[in-house]
Every structure is written in C-alpha cells, then in structure tokens.
Amino acid sequence: MPKVTVTCQECGKEFEVASYIIRQGKGKYCSRTCLGQAQSKIVGENHPNWKLKNNRICEECGKEFHSNNKSPRYCSINCKSRYQSTYNRGVNNPTYKGKIKRNCQTCGKEFEVYPSRVEYGQGKFCSKECMITRIKKQL
C-alpha cells in the first residue's frame, strides 16, 4: 500500500497515511486526540445536524421553552401527563367509545356497560346477584 504524506488539519504536524484512507475521505488528523479536538470545535450552528430551536409556550403551565419538534405542546413529560389526565377523561378521551345498553340475561333489566366488557364475554348481567343466581340455576 503506497503511503502519502499529509498535514494534520488540527495541529499542522506531517504524518503518513495509506492512500486508500484518503480516498475514503479520512486521514485528516494525525491522532485521535487531534480528531477529538477538531470535533469539539464543531458545536451549535457549525454542527452539520444543527437545527434552529423554536420558542414555544407550554399548553399546561404556560412556560416558554425551546424545541426542535414540529409541533410540541408541552415543556416536559410531567406537563403532558398532567394535561392528559385532566382533559382526556371520559367523553374527551379520543379513544372513548361510550357505554352501550344491554339487557340482563337473568332478570331482563336494561343496564349500561362499556363495549370492551362485551368484547371479552362480560357484561351479561346487571349485578353480581343476577350473575350468581344464573350460575346457581345452571348447576
């Protein structure tokens, strides 16, 4: 492998490196120390992954905060949790389906039950007493 003499971009020291490494776009620094020093200078707006942070106002506490997200609404996970536990209950919950009306299989009385209980084979009786009565009749 032919070696090429190059100058370190950090300290200016000359060193030799294999030509294939230069073709890969590497071999710019004489040591890991120089590489680390060069990388430590690339911060903030000079960094290739830099994104300008936007000022936002938290919907829960009203505090101003900075974020790179397209549409952040809360300054912290605690504020998000507090908001959701307050406002996403019952009918306001986006996954809320409401209750459905059913007739008790023992006494025929109409009662309301969540659809998920019916999906899992429950929600057949209006009370525990009716359920126990039905079980005793089947024995």
N, C-alpha and C. Protein backbone atom coordinates (compact mmCIF):
# COMPACT_ATOMS: atom_id res chain seq x y z
N MET A 1 0.84 -1.18 0.00
CA MET A 1 0.00 0.00 0.00
C MET A 1 0.89 1.25 0.00
N PRO A 2 0.75 2.07 -0.99
CA PRO A 2 1.55 3.30 -1.00
C PRO A 2 1.03 4.28 0.06
N LYS A 3 1.97 4.91 0.74
CA LYS A 3 1.62 5.88 1.76
C LYS A 3 1.86 7.28 1.24
N VAL A 4 1.05 8.20 1.73
CA VAL A 4 1.13 9.59 1.29
C VAL A 4 1.40 10.45 2.53
N THR A 5 2.19 11.47 2.38
CA THR A 5 2.45 12.39 3.48
C THR A 5 1.41 13.50 3.43
N VAL A 6 0.72 13.70 4.55
CA VAL A 6 -0.30 14.74 4.65
C VAL A 6 -0.06 15.56 5.91
N THR A 7 -0.70 16.71 5.98
CA THR A 7 -0.57 17.60 7.14
C THR A 7 -1.85 17.52 7.97
N CYS A 8 -1.67 17.35 9.27
CA CYS A 8 -2.82 17.28 10.19
C CYS A 8 -3.58 18.60 10.16
N GLN A 9 -4.88 18.53 10.01
CA GLN A 9 -5.70 19.74 9.92
C GLN A 9 -5.89 20.41 11.26
N GLU A 10 -5.49 19.75 12.35
CA GLU A 10 -5.66 20.33 13.69
C GLU A 10 -4.35 20.94 14.19
N CYS A 11 -3.27 20.15 14.19
CA CYS A 11 -2.02 20.63 14.80
C CYS A 11 -0.96 21.05 13.77
N GLY A 12 -1.14 20.69 12.49
CA GLY A 12 -0.19 21.07 11.45
C GLY A 12 0.98 20.12 11.30
N LYS A 13 1.02 19.06 12.08
CA LYS A 13 2.10 18.09 12.02
C LYS A 13 1.95 17.23 10.76
N GLU A 14 3.09 16.88 10.13
CA GLU A 14 3.04 16.00 8.95
C GLU A 14 3.09 14.55 9.40
N PHE A 15 2.31 13.70 8.69
CA PHE A 15 2.29 12.28 9.02
C PHE A 15 1.97 11.50 7.75
N GLU A 16 2.22 10.20 7.79
CA GLU A 16 1.97 9.36 6.62
C GLU A 16 0.70 8.55 6.82
N VAL A 17 -0.03 8.37 5.72
CA VAL A 17 -1.27 7.60 5.76
C VAL A 17 -1.43 6.88 4.43
N ALA A 18 -2.07 5.71 4.46
CA ALA A 18 -2.28 4.93 3.25
C ALA A 18 -3.20 5.69 2.29
N SER A 19 -2.94 5.59 1.01
CA SER A 19 -3.68 6.36 0.01
C SER A 19 -5.16 5.98 -0.04
N TYR A 20 -5.49 4.70 0.24
CA TYR A 20 -6.91 4.30 0.21
C TYR A 20 -7.72 4.99 1.31
N ILE A 21 -7.06 5.32 2.44
CA ILE A 21 -7.76 6.02 3.53
C ILE A 21 -8.12 7.43 3.09
N ILE A 22 -7.24 8.06 2.34
CA ILE A 22 -7.52 9.41 1.85
C ILE A 22 -8.65 9.37 0.83
N ARG A 23 -8.69 8.33 -0.01
CA ARG A 23 -9.79 8.19 -0.98
C ARG A 23 -11.14 8.02 -0.28
N GLN A 24 -11.13 7.46 0.94
CA GLN A 24 -12.36 7.29 1.72
C GLN A 24 -12.79 8.60 2.40
N GLY A 25 -11.97 9.63 2.27
CA GLY A 25 -12.30 10.91 2.90
C GLY A 25 -11.82 10.99 4.33
N LYS A 26 -10.94 10.09 4.73
CA LYS A 26 -10.40 10.07 6.09
C LYS A 26 -8.94 10.47 6.05
N GLY A 27 -8.23 10.29 7.18
CA GLY A 27 -6.80 10.60 7.21
C GLY A 27 -6.51 12.08 7.28
N LYS A 28 -7.36 12.84 7.94
CA LYS A 28 -7.16 14.29 8.04
C LYS A 28 -6.42 14.69 9.30
N TYR A 29 -6.38 13.78 10.29
CA TYR A 29 -5.78 14.11 11.58
C TYR A 29 -4.72 13.06 11.93
N CYS A 30 -3.67 13.51 12.62
CA CYS A 30 -2.54 12.63 12.93
C CYS A 30 -2.83 11.68 14.09
N SER A 31 -3.82 12.00 14.93
CA SER A 31 -4.12 11.15 16.08
C SER A 31 -5.59 11.31 16.48
N ARG A 32 -6.04 10.43 17.38
CA ARG A 32 -7.40 10.54 17.90
C ARG A 32 -7.56 11.81 18.74
N THR A 33 -6.49 12.21 19.37
CA THR A 33 -6.53 13.44 20.18
C THR A 33 -6.84 14.64 19.29
N CYS A 34 -6.15 14.75 18.17
CA CYS A 34 -6.40 15.87 17.24
C CYS A 34 -7.81 15.78 16.66
N LEU A 35 -8.27 14.57 16.34
CA LEU A 35 -9.64 14.39 15.84
C LEU A 35 -10.64 14.88 16.88
N GLY A 36 -10.44 14.48 18.15
CA GLY A 36 -11.34 14.89 19.22
C GLY A 36 -11.36 16.40 19.41
N GLN A 37 -10.18 17.03 19.35
CA GLN A 37 -10.11 18.48 19.49
C GLN A 37 -10.84 19.19 18.35
N ALA A 38 -10.69 18.66 17.14
CA ALA A 38 -11.36 19.27 15.99
C ALA A 38 -12.88 19.12 16.11
N GLN A 39 -13.33 17.94 16.54
CA GLN A 39 -14.77 17.71 16.67
C GLN A 39 -15.38 18.55 17.79
N SER A 40 -14.60 18.83 18.84
CA SER A 40 -15.13 19.62 19.96
C SER A 40 -15.37 21.07 19.55
N LYS A 41 -14.74 21.51 18.48
CA LYS A 41 -14.94 22.88 18.00
C LYS A 41 -16.20 23.00 17.15
N ILE A 42 -16.74 21.87 16.70
CA ILE A 42 -17.93 21.90 15.85
C ILE A 42 -19.16 21.81 16.74
N VAL A 43 -19.63 22.95 17.20
CA VAL A 43 -20.79 22.99 18.09
C VAL A 43 -21.78 24.04 17.58
N GLY A 44 -23.00 23.95 18.08
CA GLY A 44 -24.03 24.94 17.75
C GLY A 44 -24.34 25.00 16.27
N GLU A 45 -24.34 26.20 15.72
CA GLU A 45 -24.73 26.38 14.31
C GLU A 45 -23.71 25.79 13.34
N ASN A 46 -22.48 25.55 13.78
CA ASN A 46 -21.45 24.98 12.92
C ASN A 46 -21.60 23.47 12.76
N HIS A 47 -22.37 22.84 13.64
CA HIS A 47 -22.54 21.38 13.59
C HIS A 47 -23.45 21.02 12.40
N PRO A 48 -23.13 19.95 11.66
CA PRO A 48 -23.94 19.59 10.49
C PRO A 48 -25.39 19.21 10.83
N ASN A 49 -25.64 18.75 12.05
CA ASN A 49 -27.00 18.37 12.44
C ASN A 49 -27.72 19.48 13.20
N TRP A 50 -27.19 20.68 13.18
CA TRP A 50 -27.77 21.80 13.92
C TRP A 50 -29.14 22.16 13.35
N LYS A 51 -30.08 22.32 14.24
CA LYS A 51 -31.41 22.80 13.85
C LYS A 51 -31.72 23.98 14.76
N LEU A 52 -32.26 25.02 14.19
CA LEU A 52 -32.61 26.19 14.98
C LEU A 52 -33.79 25.84 15.87
N LYS A 53 -33.61 26.06 17.17
CA LYS A 53 -34.68 25.73 18.12
C LYS A 53 -35.73 26.83 18.10
N ASN A 54 -36.99 26.42 18.18
CA ASN A 54 -38.10 27.36 18.15
C ASN A 54 -38.62 27.61 19.55
N ASN A 55 -39.04 28.83 19.81
CA ASN A 55 -39.66 29.15 21.09
C ASN A 55 -41.11 28.71 21.06
N ARG A 56 -41.53 28.04 22.10
CA ARG A 56 -42.91 27.55 22.22
C ARG A 56 -43.44 27.92 23.60
N ILE A 57 -44.76 27.82 23.78
CA ILE A 57 -45.38 28.04 25.08
C ILE A 57 -46.13 26.77 25.46
N CYS A 58 -45.85 26.25 26.66
CA CYS A 58 -46.45 25.01 27.15
C CYS A 58 -47.95 25.21 27.34
N GLU A 59 -48.75 24.28 26.82
CA GLU A 59 -50.21 24.38 26.94
C GLU A 59 -50.70 24.09 28.35
N GLU A 60 -49.87 23.47 29.17
CA GLU A 60 -50.29 23.14 30.55
C GLU A 60 -49.90 24.23 31.53
N CYS A 61 -48.62 24.59 31.57
CA CYS A 61 -48.16 25.54 32.61
C CYS A 61 -47.93 26.95 32.08
N GLY A 62 -47.90 27.14 30.75
CA GLY A 62 -47.72 28.46 30.18
C GLY A 62 -46.27 28.91 30.10
N LYS A 63 -45.33 28.05 30.50
CA LYS A 63 -43.90 28.37 30.49
C LYS A 63 -43.36 28.36 29.05
N GLU A 64 -42.45 29.28 28.75
CA GLU A 64 -41.82 29.30 27.43
C GLU A 64 -40.69 28.27 27.41
N PHE A 65 -40.56 27.54 26.31
CA PHE A 65 -39.50 26.54 26.18
C PHE A 65 -39.06 26.46 24.73
N HIS A 66 -37.91 25.84 24.50
CA HIS A 66 -37.34 25.70 23.16
C HIS A 66 -37.47 24.25 22.71
N SER A 67 -37.76 24.05 21.42
CA SER A 67 -37.89 22.69 20.92
C SER A 67 -37.58 22.64 19.44
N ASN A 68 -37.06 21.48 18.99
CA ASN A 68 -36.82 21.25 17.57
C ASN A 68 -37.99 20.52 16.92
N ASN A 69 -38.91 19.99 17.71
CA ASN A 69 -40.04 19.26 17.16
C ASN A 69 -40.94 20.19 16.36
N LYS A 70 -41.66 19.61 15.40
CA LYS A 70 -42.52 20.42 14.55
C LYS A 70 -43.68 21.03 15.33
N SER A 71 -44.29 20.25 16.21
CA SER A 71 -45.44 20.78 16.94
C SER A 71 -45.47 20.31 18.39
N PRO A 72 -44.46 20.69 19.19
CA PRO A 72 -44.51 20.30 20.60
C PRO A 72 -45.54 21.15 21.34
N ARG A 73 -46.20 20.57 22.30
CA ARG A 73 -47.24 21.29 23.01
C ARG A 73 -46.91 21.47 24.48
N TYR A 74 -45.95 20.70 25.00
CA TYR A 74 -45.68 20.71 26.43
C TYR A 74 -44.18 20.85 26.67
N CYS A 75 -43.81 21.50 27.78
CA CYS A 75 -42.40 21.71 28.08
C CYS A 75 -41.75 20.48 28.69
N SER A 76 -42.55 19.55 29.24
CA SER A 76 -41.98 18.36 29.85
C SER A 76 -42.99 17.22 29.82
N ILE A 77 -42.52 16.03 30.15
CA ILE A 77 -43.41 14.87 30.21
C ILE A 77 -44.41 15.04 31.34
N ASN A 78 -43.98 15.66 32.44
CA ASN A 78 -44.90 15.89 33.56
C ASN A 78 -46.07 16.78 33.15
N CYS A 79 -45.79 17.84 32.39
CA CYS A 79 -46.88 18.73 31.94
C CYS A 79 -47.81 17.99 30.98
N LYS A 80 -47.24 17.17 30.10
CA LYS A 80 -48.06 16.42 29.17
C LYS A 80 -48.98 15.45 29.92
N SER A 81 -48.42 14.75 30.90
CA SER A 81 -49.20 13.79 31.70
C SER A 81 -50.29 14.50 32.48
N ARG A 82 -49.95 15.63 33.10
CA ARG A 82 -50.92 16.38 33.88
C ARG A 82 -52.07 16.87 33.00
N TYR A 83 -51.74 17.38 31.80
CA TYR A 83 -52.76 17.85 30.87
C TYR A 83 -53.69 16.71 30.45
N GLN A 84 -53.09 15.59 30.06
CA GLN A 84 -53.89 14.46 29.58
C GLN A 84 -54.75 13.86 30.68
N SER A 85 -54.23 13.80 31.91
CA SER A 85 -55.03 13.24 32.99
C SER A 85 -56.18 14.16 33.37
N THR A 86 -56.05 15.44 33.09
CA THR A 86 -57.12 16.39 33.40
C THR A 86 -58.15 16.47 32.29
N TYR A 87 -57.70 16.57 31.04
CA TYR A 87 -58.62 16.86 29.94
C TYR A 87 -58.98 15.66 29.06
N ASN A 88 -58.25 14.56 29.13
CA ASN A 88 -58.56 13.40 28.29
C ASN A 88 -59.29 12.33 29.07
N ARG A 89 -60.33 12.71 29.76
CA ARG A 89 -61.12 11.76 30.54
C ARG A 89 -62.50 11.62 29.93
N GLY A 90 -63.03 10.42 30.05
CA GLY A 90 -64.41 10.18 29.62
C GLY A 90 -64.64 10.55 28.18
N VAL A 91 -65.63 11.38 27.93
CA VAL A 91 -66.03 11.74 26.57
C VAL A 91 -64.91 12.49 25.85
N ASN A 92 -64.06 13.21 26.55
CA ASN A 92 -62.98 13.97 25.93
C ASN A 92 -61.81 13.09 25.48
N ASN A 93 -61.76 11.86 25.95
CA ASN A 93 -60.69 10.95 25.57
C ASN A 93 -60.90 10.54 24.11
N PRO A 94 -59.86 10.65 23.27
CA PRO A 94 -60.03 10.32 21.85
C PRO A 94 -60.39 8.85 21.60
N THR A 95 -60.11 7.96 22.55
CA THR A 95 -60.45 6.55 22.35
C THR A 95 -61.74 6.15 23.05
N TYR A 96 -62.43 7.11 23.63
CA TYR A 96 -63.66 6.82 24.36
C TYR A 96 -64.77 6.39 23.40
N LYS A 97 -65.41 5.27 23.71
CA LYS A 97 -66.47 4.75 22.85
C LYS A 97 -67.84 4.91 23.49
N GLY A 98 -67.90 5.25 24.75
CA GLY A 98 -69.18 5.37 25.43
C GLY A 98 -69.69 4.02 25.89
N LYS A 99 -70.82 4.05 26.55
CA LYS A 99 -71.42 2.80 27.04
C LYS A 99 -72.54 2.38 26.09
N ILE A 100 -72.82 1.08 26.08
CA ILE A 100 -73.93 0.56 25.28
C ILE A 100 -74.97 -0.05 26.22
N LYS A 101 -76.20 -0.11 25.75
CA LYS A 101 -77.28 -0.66 26.58
C LYS A 101 -77.42 -2.15 26.31
N ARG A 102 -77.59 -2.90 27.38
CA ARG A 102 -77.78 -4.35 27.29
C ARG A 102 -78.93 -4.74 28.20
N ASN A 103 -79.47 -5.91 28.00
CA ASN A 103 -80.50 -6.47 28.88
C ASN A 103 -79.88 -7.61 29.68
N CYS A 104 -80.14 -7.61 30.97
CA CYS A 104 -79.62 -8.64 31.87
C CYS A 104 -80.18 -10.01 31.46
N GLN A 105 -79.31 -11.02 31.40
CA GLN A 105 -79.73 -12.36 30.99
C GLN A 105 -80.51 -13.09 32.08
N THR A 106 -80.51 -12.55 33.31
CA THR A 106 -81.25 -13.18 34.40
C THR A 106 -82.61 -12.51 34.61
N CYS A 107 -82.59 -11.19 34.85
CA CYS A 107 -83.83 -10.51 35.21
C CYS A 107 -84.42 -9.69 34.06
N GLY A 108 -83.68 -9.47 32.98
CA GLY A 108 -84.19 -8.72 31.83
C GLY A 108 -84.08 -7.21 31.98
N LYS A 109 -83.57 -6.73 33.10
CA LYS A 109 -83.44 -5.30 33.35
C LYS A 109 -82.39 -4.70 32.40
N GLU A 110 -82.67 -3.48 31.89
CA GLU A 110 -81.74 -2.81 31.00
C GLU A 110 -80.64 -2.12 31.82
N PHE A 111 -79.38 -2.23 31.38
CA PHE A 111 -78.25 -1.60 32.07
C PHE A 111 -77.22 -1.19 31.02
N GLU A 112 -76.28 -0.32 31.43
CA GLU A 112 -75.24 0.16 30.53
C GLU A 112 -73.91 -0.49 30.87
N VAL A 113 -73.13 -0.77 29.83
CA VAL A 113 -71.83 -1.41 30.01
C VAL A 113 -70.88 -0.91 28.91
N TYR A 114 -69.58 -0.89 29.21
CA TYR A 114 -68.59 -0.49 28.21
C TYR A 114 -68.46 -1.58 27.15
N PRO A 115 -68.27 -1.20 25.88
CA PRO A 115 -68.15 -2.18 24.79
C PRO A 115 -67.01 -3.17 25.00
N SER A 116 -65.93 -2.75 25.63
CA SER A 116 -64.80 -3.65 25.84
C SER A 116 -65.18 -4.83 26.72
N ARG A 117 -66.09 -4.63 27.66
CA ARG A 117 -66.52 -5.74 28.53
C ARG A 117 -67.30 -6.77 27.71
N VAL A 118 -68.09 -6.30 26.77
CA VAL A 118 -68.86 -7.21 25.92
C VAL A 118 -67.91 -7.99 25.00
N GLU A 119 -66.88 -7.31 24.49
CA GLU A 119 -65.91 -7.95 23.61
C GLU A 119 -65.21 -9.12 24.29
N TYR A 120 -65.02 -9.03 25.60
CA TYR A 120 -64.33 -10.08 26.34
C TYR A 120 -65.30 -11.05 27.01
N GLY A 121 -66.55 -11.07 26.58
CA GLY A 121 -67.51 -12.04 27.08
C GLY A 121 -68.13 -11.67 28.41
N GLN A 122 -67.97 -10.45 28.86
CA GLN A 122 -68.56 -10.00 30.11
C GLN A 122 -69.73 -9.09 29.78
N GLY A 123 -70.29 -8.44 30.77
CA GLY A 123 -71.39 -7.50 30.53
C GLY A 123 -72.70 -8.18 30.21
N LYS A 124 -72.95 -9.36 30.79
CA LYS A 124 -74.19 -10.10 30.53
C LYS A 124 -75.22 -9.88 31.62
N PHE A 125 -74.76 -9.44 32.81
CA PHE A 125 -75.66 -9.32 33.96
C PHE A 125 -75.60 -7.91 34.53
N CYS A 126 -76.72 -7.45 35.09
CA CYS A 126 -76.79 -6.10 35.64
C CYS A 126 -76.12 -5.99 37.01
N SER A 127 -75.95 -7.11 37.71
CA SER A 127 -75.35 -7.09 39.04
C SER A 127 -74.73 -8.45 39.36
N LYS A 128 -73.96 -8.49 40.43
CA LYS A 128 -73.35 -9.75 40.86
C LYS A 128 -74.42 -10.73 41.32
N GLU A 129 -75.47 -10.20 41.93
CA GLU A 129 -76.56 -11.06 42.41
C GLU A 129 -77.20 -11.82 41.24
N CYS A 130 -77.46 -11.11 40.13
CA CYS A 130 -78.04 -11.76 38.96
C CYS A 130 -77.09 -12.80 38.38
N MET A 131 -75.80 -12.52 38.38
CA MET A 131 -74.82 -13.47 37.86
C MET A 131 -74.80 -14.74 38.73
N ILE A 132 -74.79 -14.56 40.05
CA ILE A 132 -74.78 -15.70 40.97
C ILE A 132 -76.05 -16.52 40.82
N THR A 133 -77.19 -15.84 40.72
CA THR A 133 -78.47 -16.53 40.52
C THR A 133 -78.45 -17.39 39.26
N ARG A 134 -77.92 -16.84 38.18
CA ARG A 134 -77.86 -17.57 36.89
C ARG A 134 -76.95 -18.79 37.01
N ILE A 135 -75.81 -18.63 37.69
CA ILE A 135 -74.87 -19.74 37.85
C ILE A 135 -75.51 -20.86 38.68
N LYS A 136 -76.21 -20.49 39.75
CA LYS A 136 -76.86 -21.48 40.60
C LYS A 136 -77.94 -22.25 39.84
N LYS A 137 -78.67 -21.57 38.92
CA LYS A 137 -79.70 -22.23 38.13
C LYS A 137 -79.08 -23.26 37.18
N GLN A 138 -77.89 -22.96 36.68
CA GLN A 138 -77.24 -23.86 35.71
C GLN A 138 -76.67 -25.10 36.41
N LEU A 139 -76.43 -25.04 37.71
CA LEU A 139 -75.87 -26.20 38.42
C LEU A 139 -76.95 -27.14 38.74
